[in-house]
mmCIF file of all heavy atoms, coordinates in Angstrom:
data_MODEL
# 
_entry.id   MODEL 
# 
loop_
_atom_site.group_PDB 
_atom_site.id 
_atom_site.type_symbol 
_atom_site.label_atom_id 
_atom_site.label_alt_id 
_atom_site.label_comp_id 
_atom_site.label_asym_id 
_atom_site.label_entity_id 
_atom_site.label_seq_id 
_atom_site.pdbx_PDB_ins_code 
_atom_site.Cartn_x 
_atom_site.Cartn_y 
_atom_site.Cartn_z 
_atom_site.occupancy 
_atom_site.B_iso_or_equiv 
_atom_site.pdbx_formal_charge 
_atom_site.auth_seq_id 
_atom_site.auth_comp_id 
_atom_site.auth_asym_id 
_atom_site.auth_atom_id 
_atom_site.pdbx_PDB_model_num 
ATOM 1   N N   . PRO A 1 1  ? 215.261 62.080 183.382 1.00 0.00 ? 1  PRO A N   1 
ATOM 2   C CA  . PRO A 1 1  ? 213.963 62.268 183.815 1.00 0.00 ? 1  PRO A CA  1 
ATOM 3   C C   . PRO A 1 1  ? 213.651 61.366 185.043 1.00 0.00 ? 1  PRO A C   1 
ATOM 4   O O   . PRO A 1 1  ? 214.337 60.345 185.298 1.00 0.00 ? 1  PRO A O   1 
ATOM 5   C CB  . PRO A 1 1  ? 213.090 61.763 182.665 1.00 0.00 ? 1  PRO A CB  1 
ATOM 6   C CG  . PRO A 1 1  ? 213.986 60.767 181.930 1.00 0.00 ? 1  PRO A CG  1 
ATOM 7   C CD  . PRO A 1 1  ? 215.326 61.297 182.070 1.00 0.00 ? 1  PRO A CD  1 
ATOM 8   N N   . THR A 1 2  ? 212.586 61.776 185.798 1.00 0.00 ? 2  THR A N   1 
ATOM 9   C CA  . THR A 1 2  ? 212.068 60.853 186.841 1.00 0.00 ? 2  THR A CA  1 
ATOM 10  C C   . THR A 1 2  ? 211.514 59.642 186.237 1.00 0.00 ? 2  THR A C   1 
ATOM 11  O O   . THR A 1 2  ? 211.625 58.480 186.846 1.00 0.00 ? 2  THR A O   1 
ATOM 12  C CB  . THR A 1 2  ? 210.974 61.675 187.596 1.00 0.00 ? 2  THR A CB  1 
ATOM 13  O OG1 . THR A 1 2  ? 211.479 62.934 187.997 1.00 0.00 ? 2  THR A OG1 1 
ATOM 14  C CG2 . THR A 1 2  ? 210.589 60.925 188.845 1.00 0.00 ? 2  THR A CG2 1 
ATOM 15  N N   . LYS A 1 3  ? 210.846 59.756 185.154 1.00 0.00 ? 3  LYS A N   1 
ATOM 16  C CA  . LYS A 1 3  ? 210.182 58.655 184.475 1.00 0.00 ? 3  LYS A CA  1 
ATOM 17  C C   . LYS A 1 3  ? 210.166 58.884 182.945 1.00 0.00 ? 3  LYS A C   1 
ATOM 18  O O   . LYS A 1 3  ? 209.973 60.030 182.527 1.00 0.00 ? 3  LYS A O   1 
ATOM 19  C CB  . LYS A 1 3  ? 208.774 58.466 184.959 1.00 0.00 ? 3  LYS A CB  1 
ATOM 20  C CG  . LYS A 1 3  ? 207.921 57.362 184.359 1.00 0.00 ? 3  LYS A CG  1 
ATOM 21  C CD  . LYS A 1 3  ? 206.496 57.346 184.795 1.00 0.00 ? 3  LYS A CD  1 
ATOM 22  C CE  . LYS A 1 3  ? 205.744 56.301 184.068 1.00 0.00 ? 3  LYS A CE  1 
ATOM 23  N NZ  . LYS A 1 3  ? 204.280 56.309 184.457 1.00 0.00 ? 3  LYS A NZ  1 
ATOM 24  N N   . ALA A 1 4  ? 210.260 57.815 182.166 1.00 0.00 ? 4  ALA A N   1 
ATOM 25  C CA  . ALA A 1 4  ? 210.160 57.920 180.720 1.00 0.00 ? 4  ALA A CA  1 
ATOM 26  C C   . ALA A 1 4  ? 208.642 57.633 180.326 1.00 0.00 ? 4  ALA A C   1 
ATOM 27  O O   . ALA A 1 4  ? 208.091 56.695 180.886 1.00 0.00 ? 4  ALA A O   1 
ATOM 28  C CB  . ALA A 1 4  ? 211.089 56.915 180.031 1.00 0.00 ? 4  ALA A CB  1 
ATOM 29  N N   . LEU A 1 5  ? 208.196 58.397 179.406 1.00 0.00 ? 5  LEU A N   1 
ATOM 30  C CA  . LEU A 1 5  ? 206.822 58.237 178.934 1.00 0.00 ? 5  LEU A CA  1 
ATOM 31  C C   . LEU A 1 5  ? 206.751 57.304 177.698 1.00 0.00 ? 5  LEU A C   1 
ATOM 32  O O   . LEU A 1 5  ? 207.758 57.146 177.001 1.00 0.00 ? 5  LEU A O   1 
ATOM 33  C CB  . LEU A 1 5  ? 206.305 59.580 178.503 1.00 0.00 ? 5  LEU A CB  1 
ATOM 34  C CG  . LEU A 1 5  ? 206.082 60.622 179.640 1.00 0.00 ? 5  LEU A CG  1 
ATOM 35  C CD1 . LEU A 1 5  ? 205.755 61.974 179.067 1.00 0.00 ? 5  LEU A CD1 1 
ATOM 36  C CD2 . LEU A 1 5  ? 205.044 60.125 180.611 1.00 0.00 ? 5  LEU A CD2 1 
ATOM 37  N N   . GLU A 1 6  ? 205.593 56.745 177.534 1.00 0.00 ? 6  GLU A N   1 
ATOM 38  C CA  . GLU A 1 6  ? 205.328 55.872 176.365 1.00 0.00 ? 6  GLU A CA  1 
ATOM 39  C C   . GLU A 1 6  ? 203.956 56.362 175.764 1.00 0.00 ? 6  GLU A C   1 
ATOM 40  O O   . GLU A 1 6  ? 203.116 57.045 176.359 1.00 0.00 ? 6  GLU A O   1 
ATOM 41  C CB  . GLU A 1 6  ? 205.252 54.429 176.708 1.00 0.00 ? 6  GLU A CB  1 
ATOM 42  C CG  . GLU A 1 6  ? 206.533 53.904 177.329 1.00 0.00 ? 6  GLU A CG  1 
ATOM 43  C CD  . GLU A 1 6  ? 207.730 53.916 176.443 1.00 0.00 ? 6  GLU A CD  1 
ATOM 44  O OE1 . GLU A 1 6  ? 207.502 54.025 175.220 1.00 0.00 ? 6  GLU A OE1 1 
ATOM 45  O OE2 . GLU A 1 6  ? 208.887 53.753 176.973 1.00 0.00 ? 6  GLU A OE2 1 
ATOM 46  N N   . ASP A 1 7  ? 203.732 55.950 174.516 1.00 0.00 ? 7  ASP A N   1 
ATOM 47  C CA  . ASP A 1 7  ? 202.479 56.222 173.811 1.00 0.00 ? 7  ASP A CA  1 
ATOM 48  C C   . ASP A 1 7  ? 201.278 55.730 174.708 1.00 0.00 ? 7  ASP A C   1 
ATOM 49  O O   . ASP A 1 7  ? 201.297 54.682 175.293 1.00 0.00 ? 7  ASP A O   1 
ATOM 50  C CB  . ASP A 1 7  ? 202.402 55.569 172.452 1.00 0.00 ? 7  ASP A CB  1 
ATOM 51  C CG  . ASP A 1 7  ? 201.293 55.969 171.615 1.00 0.00 ? 7  ASP A CG  1 
ATOM 52  O OD1 . ASP A 1 7  ? 200.923 57.152 171.597 1.00 0.00 ? 7  ASP A OD1 1 
ATOM 53  O OD2 . ASP A 1 7  ? 200.671 55.086 170.990 1.00 0.00 ? 7  ASP A OD2 1 
ATOM 54  N N   . LYS A 1 8  ? 200.220 56.579 174.735 1.00 0.00 ? 8  LYS A N   1 
ATOM 55  C CA  . LYS A 1 8  ? 198.942 56.299 175.425 1.00 0.00 ? 8  LYS A CA  1 
ATOM 56  C C   . LYS A 1 8  ? 199.083 56.345 176.970 1.00 0.00 ? 8  LYS A C   1 
ATOM 57  O O   . LYS A 1 8  ? 198.052 56.039 177.633 1.00 0.00 ? 8  LYS A O   1 
ATOM 58  C CB  . LYS A 1 8  ? 198.371 54.963 175.018 1.00 0.00 ? 8  LYS A CB  1 
ATOM 59  C CG  . LYS A 1 8  ? 198.080 54.938 173.517 1.00 0.00 ? 8  LYS A CG  1 
ATOM 60  C CD  . LYS A 1 8  ? 197.455 53.540 173.135 1.00 0.00 ? 8  LYS A CD  1 
ATOM 61  C CE  . LYS A 1 8  ? 197.143 53.543 171.628 1.00 0.00 ? 8  LYS A CE  1 
ATOM 62  N NZ  . LYS A 1 8  ? 196.566 52.202 171.229 1.00 0.00 ? 8  LYS A NZ  1 
ATOM 63  N N   . ASP A 1 9  ? 200.250 56.770 177.524 1.00 0.00 ? 9  ASP A N   1 
ATOM 64  C CA  . ASP A 1 9  ? 200.275 56.993 179.005 1.00 0.00 ? 9  ASP A CA  1 
ATOM 65  C C   . ASP A 1 9  ? 199.260 58.034 179.324 1.00 0.00 ? 9  ASP A C   1 
ATOM 66  O O   . ASP A 1 9  ? 199.008 58.966 178.503 1.00 0.00 ? 9  ASP A O   1 
ATOM 67  C CB  . ASP A 1 9  ? 201.682 57.433 179.361 1.00 0.00 ? 9  ASP A CB  1 
ATOM 68  C CG  . ASP A 1 9  ? 202.703 56.276 179.585 1.00 0.00 ? 9  ASP A CG  1 
ATOM 69  O OD1 . ASP A 1 9  ? 202.184 55.103 179.478 1.00 0.00 ? 9  ASP A OD1 1 
ATOM 70  O OD2 . ASP A 1 9  ? 203.818 56.547 179.772 1.00 0.00 ? 9  ASP A OD2 1 
ATOM 71  N N   . LYS A 1 10 ? 198.695 58.002 180.522 1.00 0.00 ? 10 LYS A N   1 
ATOM 72  C CA  . LYS A 1 10 ? 197.781 58.936 181.015 1.00 0.00 ? 10 LYS A CA  1 
ATOM 73  C C   . LYS A 1 10 ? 198.434 59.769 182.155 1.00 0.00 ? 10 LYS A C   1 
ATOM 74  O O   . LYS A 1 10 ? 199.072 59.175 183.055 1.00 0.00 ? 10 LYS A O   1 
ATOM 75  C CB  . LYS A 1 10 ? 196.536 58.347 181.520 1.00 0.00 ? 10 LYS A CB  1 
ATOM 76  C CG  . LYS A 1 10 ? 195.733 57.478 180.462 1.00 0.00 ? 10 LYS A CG  1 
ATOM 77  C CD  . LYS A 1 10 ? 195.170 58.324 179.391 1.00 0.00 ? 10 LYS A CD  1 
ATOM 78  C CE  . LYS A 1 10 ? 194.136 57.560 178.598 1.00 0.00 ? 10 LYS A CE  1 
ATOM 79  N NZ  . LYS A 1 10 ? 194.685 56.320 177.931 1.00 0.00 ? 10 LYS A NZ  1 
ATOM 80  N N   . LEU A 1 11 ? 198.305 61.055 182.033 1.00 0.00 ? 11 LEU A N   1 
ATOM 81  C CA  . LEU A 1 11 ? 198.902 61.936 183.097 1.00 0.00 ? 11 LEU A CA  1 
ATOM 82  C C   . LEU A 1 11 ? 197.664 62.546 183.809 1.00 0.00 ? 11 LEU A C   1 
ATOM 83  O O   . LEU A 1 11 ? 196.985 63.337 183.289 1.00 0.00 ? 11 LEU A O   1 
ATOM 84  C CB  . LEU A 1 11 ? 199.760 63.036 182.503 1.00 0.00 ? 11 LEU A CB  1 
ATOM 85  C CG  . LEU A 1 11 ? 200.968 62.558 181.709 1.00 0.00 ? 11 LEU A CG  1 
ATOM 86  C CD1 . LEU A 1 11 ? 201.637 63.752 180.987 1.00 0.00 ? 11 LEU A CD1 1 
ATOM 87  C CD2 . LEU A 1 11 ? 201.916 61.656 182.481 1.00 0.00 ? 11 LEU A CD2 1 
ATOM 88  N N   . LYS A 1 12 ? 197.500 62.069 185.034 1.00 0.00 ? 12 LYS A N   1 
ATOM 89  C CA  . LYS A 1 12 ? 196.282 62.440 185.801 1.00 0.00 ? 12 LYS A CA  1 
ATOM 90  C C   . LYS A 1 12 ? 196.639 63.174 187.070 1.00 0.00 ? 12 LYS A C   1 
ATOM 91  O O   . LYS A 1 12 ? 197.459 62.749 187.871 1.00 0.00 ? 12 LYS A O   1 
ATOM 92  C CB  . LYS A 1 12 ? 195.517 61.212 186.200 1.00 0.00 ? 12 LYS A CB  1 
ATOM 93  C CG  . LYS A 1 12 ? 194.915 60.447 184.975 1.00 0.00 ? 12 LYS A CG  1 
ATOM 94  C CD  . LYS A 1 12 ? 194.143 59.177 185.464 1.00 0.00 ? 12 LYS A CD  1 
ATOM 95  C CE  . LYS A 1 12 ? 193.536 58.461 184.330 1.00 0.00 ? 12 LYS A CE  1 
ATOM 96  N NZ  . LYS A 1 12 ? 192.436 59.139 183.631 1.00 0.00 ? 12 LYS A NZ  1 
ATOM 97  N N   . LEU A 1 13 ? 196.047 64.422 187.190 1.00 0.00 ? 13 LEU A N   1 
ATOM 98  C CA  . LEU A 1 13 ? 196.118 65.149 188.392 1.00 0.00 ? 13 LEU A CA  1 
ATOM 99  C C   . LEU A 1 13 ? 194.672 65.458 188.856 1.00 0.00 ? 13 LEU A C   1 
ATOM 100 O O   . LEU A 1 13 ? 193.703 65.062 188.128 1.00 0.00 ? 13 LEU A O   1 
ATOM 101 C CB  . LEU A 1 13 ? 196.907 66.527 188.203 1.00 0.00 ? 13 LEU A CB  1 
ATOM 102 C CG  . LEU A 1 13 ? 198.293 66.410 187.617 1.00 0.00 ? 13 LEU A CG  1 
ATOM 103 C CD1 . LEU A 1 13 ? 198.850 67.786 187.495 1.00 0.00 ? 13 LEU A CD1 1 
ATOM 104 C CD2 . LEU A 1 13 ? 199.155 65.536 188.493 1.00 0.00 ? 13 LEU A CD2 1 
ATOM 105 N N   . LYS A 1 14 ? 194.546 66.104 189.974 1.00 0.00 ? 14 LYS A N   1 
ATOM 106 C CA  . LYS A 1 14 ? 193.175 66.450 190.406 1.00 0.00 ? 14 LYS A CA  1 
ATOM 107 C C   . LYS A 1 14 ? 192.532 67.389 189.426 1.00 0.00 ? 14 LYS A C   1 
ATOM 108 O O   . LYS A 1 14 ? 192.962 68.529 189.294 1.00 0.00 ? 14 LYS A O   1 
ATOM 109 C CB  . LYS A 1 14 ? 193.235 67.058 191.853 1.00 0.00 ? 14 LYS A CB  1 
ATOM 110 C CG  . LYS A 1 14 ? 193.585 66.049 192.906 1.00 0.00 ? 14 LYS A CG  1 
ATOM 111 C CD  . LYS A 1 14 ? 193.679 66.837 194.305 1.00 0.00 ? 14 LYS A CD  1 
ATOM 112 C CE  . LYS A 1 14 ? 194.099 65.852 195.344 1.00 0.00 ? 14 LYS A CE  1 
ATOM 113 N NZ  . LYS A 1 14 ? 194.194 66.476 196.703 1.00 0.00 ? 14 LYS A NZ  1 
ATOM 114 N N   . GLY A 1 15 ? 191.545 66.949 188.735 1.00 0.00 ? 15 GLY A N   1 
ATOM 115 C CA  . GLY A 1 15 ? 190.787 67.740 187.795 1.00 0.00 ? 15 GLY A CA  1 
ATOM 116 C C   . GLY A 1 15 ? 191.486 67.930 186.480 1.00 0.00 ? 15 GLY A C   1 
ATOM 117 O O   . GLY A 1 15 ? 191.032 68.821 185.663 1.00 0.00 ? 15 GLY A O   1 
ATOM 118 N N   . LEU A 1 16 ? 192.532 67.198 186.215 1.00 0.00 ? 16 LEU A N   1 
ATOM 119 C CA  . LEU A 1 16 ? 193.354 67.431 185.013 1.00 0.00 ? 16 LEU A CA  1 
ATOM 120 C C   . LEU A 1 16 ? 193.804 66.048 184.450 1.00 0.00 ? 16 LEU A C   1 
ATOM 121 O O   . LEU A 1 16 ? 194.268 65.189 185.167 1.00 0.00 ? 16 LEU A O   1 
ATOM 122 C CB  . LEU A 1 16 ? 194.533 68.230 185.360 1.00 0.00 ? 16 LEU A CB  1 
ATOM 123 C CG  . LEU A 1 16 ? 195.424 68.840 184.216 1.00 0.00 ? 16 LEU A CG  1 
ATOM 124 C CD1 . LEU A 1 16 ? 194.587 69.653 183.278 1.00 0.00 ? 16 LEU A CD1 1 
ATOM 125 C CD2 . LEU A 1 16 ? 196.582 69.640 184.786 1.00 0.00 ? 16 LEU A CD2 1 
ATOM 126 N N   . ASP A 1 17 ? 193.557 65.826 183.170 1.00 0.00 ? 17 ASP A N   1 
ATOM 127 C CA  . ASP A 1 17 ? 193.807 64.528 182.533 1.00 0.00 ? 17 ASP A CA  1 
ATOM 128 C C   . ASP A 1 17 ? 194.349 64.710 181.186 1.00 0.00 ? 17 ASP A C   1 
ATOM 129 O O   . ASP A 1 17 ? 193.612 65.238 180.279 1.00 0.00 ? 17 ASP A O   1 
ATOM 130 C CB  . ASP A 1 17 ? 192.565 63.708 182.591 1.00 0.00 ? 17 ASP A CB  1 
ATOM 131 C CG  . ASP A 1 17 ? 192.736 62.216 182.121 1.00 0.00 ? 17 ASP A CG  1 
ATOM 132 O OD1 . ASP A 1 17 ? 193.875 61.885 181.707 1.00 0.00 ? 17 ASP A OD1 1 
ATOM 133 O OD2 . ASP A 1 17 ? 191.810 61.492 182.236 1.00 0.00 ? 17 ASP A OD2 1 
ATOM 134 N N   . LEU A 1 18 ? 195.623 64.374 180.821 1.00 0.00 ? 18 LEU A N   1 
ATOM 135 C CA  . LEU A 1 18 ? 196.145 64.418 179.559 1.00 0.00 ? 18 LEU A CA  1 
ATOM 136 C C   . LEU A 1 18 ? 196.732 63.102 179.071 1.00 0.00 ? 18 LEU A C   1 
ATOM 137 O O   . LEU A 1 18 ? 197.192 62.279 179.862 1.00 0.00 ? 18 LEU A O   1 
ATOM 138 C CB  . LEU A 1 18 ? 197.315 65.435 179.421 1.00 0.00 ? 18 LEU A CB  1 
ATOM 139 C CG  . LEU A 1 18 ? 196.977 66.901 179.780 1.00 0.00 ? 18 LEU A CG  1 
ATOM 140 C CD1 . LEU A 1 18 ? 198.241 67.754 179.762 1.00 0.00 ? 18 LEU A CD1 1 
ATOM 141 C CD2 . LEU A 1 18 ? 196.017 67.427 178.621 1.00 0.00 ? 18 LEU A CD2 1 
ATOM 142 N N   . GLU A 1 19 ? 196.512 62.757 177.809 1.00 0.00 ? 19 GLU A N   1 
ATOM 143 C CA  . GLU A 1 19 ? 197.019 61.589 177.225 1.00 0.00 ? 19 GLU A CA  1 
ATOM 144 C C   . GLU A 1 19 ? 198.252 61.801 176.401 1.00 0.00 ? 19 GLU A C   1 
ATOM 145 O O   . GLU A 1 19 ? 198.307 62.841 175.626 1.00 0.00 ? 19 GLU A O   1 
ATOM 146 C CB  . GLU A 1 19 ? 196.023 60.882 176.350 1.00 0.00 ? 19 GLU A CB  1 
ATOM 147 C CG  . GLU A 1 19 ? 196.457 59.538 175.728 1.00 0.00 ? 19 GLU A CG  1 
ATOM 148 C CD  . GLU A 1 19 ? 195.371 58.899 174.867 1.00 0.00 ? 19 GLU A CD  1 
ATOM 149 O OE1 . GLU A 1 19 ? 194.276 59.477 174.755 1.00 0.00 ? 19 GLU A OE1 1 
ATOM 150 O OE2 . GLU A 1 19 ? 195.620 57.783 174.293 1.00 0.00 ? 19 GLU A OE2 1 
ATOM 151 N N   . VAL A 1 20 ? 199.233 60.970 176.450 1.00 0.00 ? 20 VAL A N   1 
ATOM 152 C CA  . VAL A 1 20 ? 200.484 61.067 175.693 1.00 0.00 ? 20 VAL A CA  1 
ATOM 153 C C   . VAL A 1 20 ? 200.200 60.418 174.257 1.00 0.00 ? 20 VAL A C   1 
ATOM 154 O O   . VAL A 1 20 ? 199.840 59.303 174.199 1.00 0.00 ? 20 VAL A O   1 
ATOM 155 C CB  . VAL A 1 20 ? 201.623 60.337 176.383 1.00 0.00 ? 20 VAL A CB  1 
ATOM 156 C CG1 . VAL A 1 20 ? 202.888 60.382 175.489 1.00 0.00 ? 20 VAL A CG1 1 
ATOM 157 C CG2 . VAL A 1 20 ? 201.871 60.989 177.748 1.00 0.00 ? 20 VAL A CG2 1 
ATOM 158 N N   . LEU A 1 21 ? 200.512 61.199 173.246 1.00 0.00 ? 21 LEU A N   1 
ATOM 159 C CA  . LEU A 1 21 ? 200.431 60.745 171.940 1.00 0.00 ? 21 LEU A CA  1 
ATOM 160 C C   . LEU A 1 21 ? 201.876 60.719 171.326 1.00 0.00 ? 21 LEU A C   1 
ATOM 161 O O   . LEU A 1 21 ? 202.495 61.823 171.217 1.00 0.00 ? 21 LEU A O   1 
ATOM 162 C CB  . LEU A 1 21 ? 199.563 61.619 170.993 1.00 0.00 ? 21 LEU A CB  1 
ATOM 163 C CG  . LEU A 1 21 ? 198.095 61.833 171.462 1.00 0.00 ? 21 LEU A CG  1 
ATOM 164 C CD1 . LEU A 1 21 ? 197.424 62.710 170.480 1.00 0.00 ? 21 LEU A CD1 1 
ATOM 165 C CD2 . LEU A 1 21 ? 197.360 60.560 171.528 1.00 0.00 ? 21 LEU A CD2 1 
ATOM 166 N N   . HIS A 1 22 ? 202.466 59.549 171.094 1.00 0.00 ? 22 HIS A N   1 
ATOM 167 C CA  . HIS A 1 22 ? 203.808 59.496 170.569 1.00 0.00 ? 22 HIS A CA  1 
ATOM 168 C C   . HIS A 1 22 ? 203.732 59.879 169.081 1.00 0.00 ? 22 HIS A C   1 
ATOM 169 O O   . HIS A 1 22 ? 203.068 59.194 168.269 1.00 0.00 ? 22 HIS A O   1 
ATOM 170 C CB  . HIS A 1 22 ? 204.359 58.039 170.775 1.00 0.00 ? 22 HIS A CB  1 
ATOM 171 C CG  . HIS A 1 22 ? 205.802 57.993 170.249 1.00 0.00 ? 22 HIS A CG  1 
ATOM 172 N ND1 . HIS A 1 22 ? 206.294 56.744 169.773 1.00 0.00 ? 22 HIS A ND1 1 
ATOM 173 C CD2 . HIS A 1 22 ? 206.813 58.847 170.144 1.00 0.00 ? 22 HIS A CD2 1 
ATOM 174 C CE1 . HIS A 1 22 ? 207.585 56.977 169.402 1.00 0.00 ? 22 HIS A CE1 1 
ATOM 175 N NE2 . HIS A 1 22 ? 207.919 58.196 169.701 1.00 0.00 ? 22 HIS A NE2 1 
ATOM 176 N N   . THR A 1 23 ? 204.421 61.019 168.727 1.00 0.00 ? 23 THR A N   1 
ATOM 177 C CA  . THR A 1 23 ? 204.312 61.519 167.359 1.00 0.00 ? 23 THR A CA  1 
ATOM 178 C C   . THR A 1 23 ? 205.850 61.683 166.813 1.00 0.00 ? 23 THR A C   1 
ATOM 179 O O   . THR A 1 23 ? 206.232 62.844 166.626 1.00 0.00 ? 23 THR A O   1 
ATOM 180 C CB  . THR A 1 23 ? 203.601 62.805 167.342 1.00 0.00 ? 23 THR A CB  1 
ATOM 181 O OG1 . THR A 1 23 ? 204.111 63.740 168.279 1.00 0.00 ? 23 THR A OG1 1 
ATOM 182 C CG2 . THR A 1 23 ? 202.116 62.547 167.610 1.00 0.00 ? 23 THR A CG2 1 
ATOM 183 N N   . PRO A 1 24 ? 206.516 60.610 166.549 1.00 0.00 ? 24 PRO A N   1 
ATOM 184 C CA  . PRO A 1 24 ? 207.895 60.806 166.067 1.00 0.00 ? 24 PRO A CA  1 
ATOM 185 C C   . PRO A 1 24 ? 207.871 61.477 164.690 1.00 0.00 ? 24 PRO A C   1 
ATOM 186 O O   . PRO A 1 24 ? 206.944 61.464 163.944 1.00 0.00 ? 24 PRO A O   1 
ATOM 187 C CB  . PRO A 1 24 ? 208.395 59.334 165.941 1.00 0.00 ? 24 PRO A CB  1 
ATOM 188 C CG  . PRO A 1 24 ? 207.160 58.462 165.797 1.00 0.00 ? 24 PRO A CG  1 
ATOM 189 C CD  . PRO A 1 24 ? 206.086 59.199 166.601 1.00 0.00 ? 24 PRO A CD  1 
ATOM 190 N N   . GLY A 1 25 ? 209.029 62.037 164.398 1.00 0.00 ? 25 GLY A N   1 
ATOM 191 C CA  . GLY A 1 25 ? 209.247 62.831 163.136 1.00 0.00 ? 25 GLY A CA  1 
ATOM 192 C C   . GLY A 1 25 ? 210.218 63.937 163.363 1.00 0.00 ? 25 GLY A C   1 
ATOM 193 O O   . GLY A 1 25 ? 211.209 64.007 162.648 1.00 0.00 ? 25 GLY A O   1 
# 
């Protein structure tokens, strides 16, 4: 990957905002 994600990271684009929820299992 370009970057590894972690819990609660925010992915923000113009007009778009998603939060990462780490949900192992």
